[in-house]
Amino acid sequence: MAARKQWSDLSERNRKLLIAVGVVEGCLKIAALIDIKRRPAGQIRGGKRVWAAVVALVNSAGVVPISYFVFGRRRQP
């Protein structure tokens, strides 16, 4: 069984990559949560609370917030 890598075991490049992914995911989550709060419920597919919970709680490297922006919002006529 392989031992888990510690932060200090990672290369400088991998550390920077992990930090960048974390920052991007955080920004996407904040943008999605702000949009969910401001957008009327009729313009969101599914429940606002469900989307907010999933966006806030699931660590996905940005996939869940992007999914909200692509699939969760109704197109305006």
Protein backbone atom coordinates (compact mmCIF):
# COMPACT_ATOMS: atom_id res chain seq x y z
CA MET A 1 0.00 0.00 0.00
CA ALA A 2 1.50 3.31 -1.09
CA ALA A 3 1.90 6.08 1.44
CA ARG A 4 -0.05 9.28 0.86
CA LYS A 5 1.98 12.16 -0.49
CA GLN A 6 2.46 15.15 1.73
CA TRP A 7 2.46 18.74 0.48
CA SER A 8 6.23 18.84 0.94
CA ASP A 9 6.60 15.76 -1.30
CA LEU A 10 5.01 17.51 -4.28
CA SER A 11 7.06 19.33 -6.87
CA GLU A 12 6.85 23.11 -7.11
CA ARG A 13 4.96 22.77 -10.41
CA ASN A 14 2.35 20.45 -8.88
CA ARG A 15 1.89 22.75 -5.88
CA LYS A 16 1.25 25.72 -8.17
CA LEU A 17 -1.16 23.66 -10.27
CA LEU A 18 -3.14 22.58 -7.21
CA ILE A 19 -3.32 26.16 -5.94
CA ALA A 20 -4.47 27.41 -9.35
CA VAL A 21 -7.18 24.73 -9.60
CA GLY A 22 -8.35 25.59 -6.09
CA VAL A 23 -8.56 29.30 -6.87
CA VAL A 24 -10.43 28.70 -10.14
CA GLU A 25 -12.89 26.35 -8.44
CA GLY A 26 -13.44 28.85 -5.62
CA CYS A 27 -14.13 31.67 -8.08
CA LEU A 28 -16.53 29.52 -10.09
CA LYS A 29 -18.37 28.48 -6.93
CA ILE A 30 -18.73 32.07 -5.76
CA ALA A 31 -19.99 33.17 -9.19
CA ALA A 32 -22.49 30.31 -9.34
CA LEU A 33 -23.77 30.94 -5.81
CA ILE A 34 -24.21 34.66 -6.51
CA ASP A 35 -26.08 33.85 -9.72
CA ILE A 36 -28.32 31.34 -7.91
CA LYS A 37 -29.15 33.92 -5.23
CA ARG A 38 -29.96 36.72 -7.71
CA ARG A 39 -31.79 34.67 -10.38
CA PRO A 40 -35.55 34.07 -9.94
CA ALA A 41 -36.50 30.45 -9.22
CA GLY A 42 -38.45 30.25 -12.48
CA GLN A 43 -35.25 30.75 -14.44
CA ILE A 44 -33.43 27.83 -12.80
CA ARG A 45 -33.93 24.20 -13.73
CA GLY A 46 -34.50 22.35 -10.48
CA GLY A 47 -34.53 23.81 -7.00
CA LYS A 48 -32.39 26.77 -6.03
CA ARG A 49 -31.53 25.10 -2.71
CA VAL A 50 -30.45 21.89 -4.41
CA TRP A 51 -28.17 23.73 -6.85
CA ALA A 52 -26.74 25.87 -4.05
CA ALA A 53 -26.03 22.84 -1.87
CA VAL A 54 -24.38 20.89 -4.68
CA VAL A 55 -22.29 23.85 -5.84
CA ALA A 56 -21.18 24.65 -2.30
CA LEU A 57 -20.49 21.13 -1.03
CA VAL A 58 -19.14 19.10 -3.94
CA ASN A 59 -15.44 19.45 -4.74
CA SER A 60 -15.26 18.95 -8.47
CA ALA A 61 -12.41 21.04 -9.88
CA GLY A 62 -15.03 23.40 -11.30
CA VAL A 63 -17.25 20.84 -13.04
CA VAL A 64 -20.35 21.42 -10.88
CA PRO A 65 -20.39 25.24 -11.17
CA ILE A 66 -19.81 24.98 -14.93
CA SER A 67 -22.63 22.42 -15.12
CA TYR A 68 -24.91 24.89 -13.35
CA PHE A 69 -24.07 27.64 -15.84
CA VAL A 70 -24.57 25.31 -18.82
CA PHE A 71 -27.52 23.14 -17.73
CA GLY A 72 -29.04 24.71 -14.61
CA ARG A 73 -30.14 28.04 -16.03
CA ARG A 74 -33.10 28.41 -18.36
CA ARG A 75 -32.51 30.36 -21.54
CA GLN A 76 -34.32 33.66 -21.66
CA PRO A 77 -36.59 34.13 -24.71
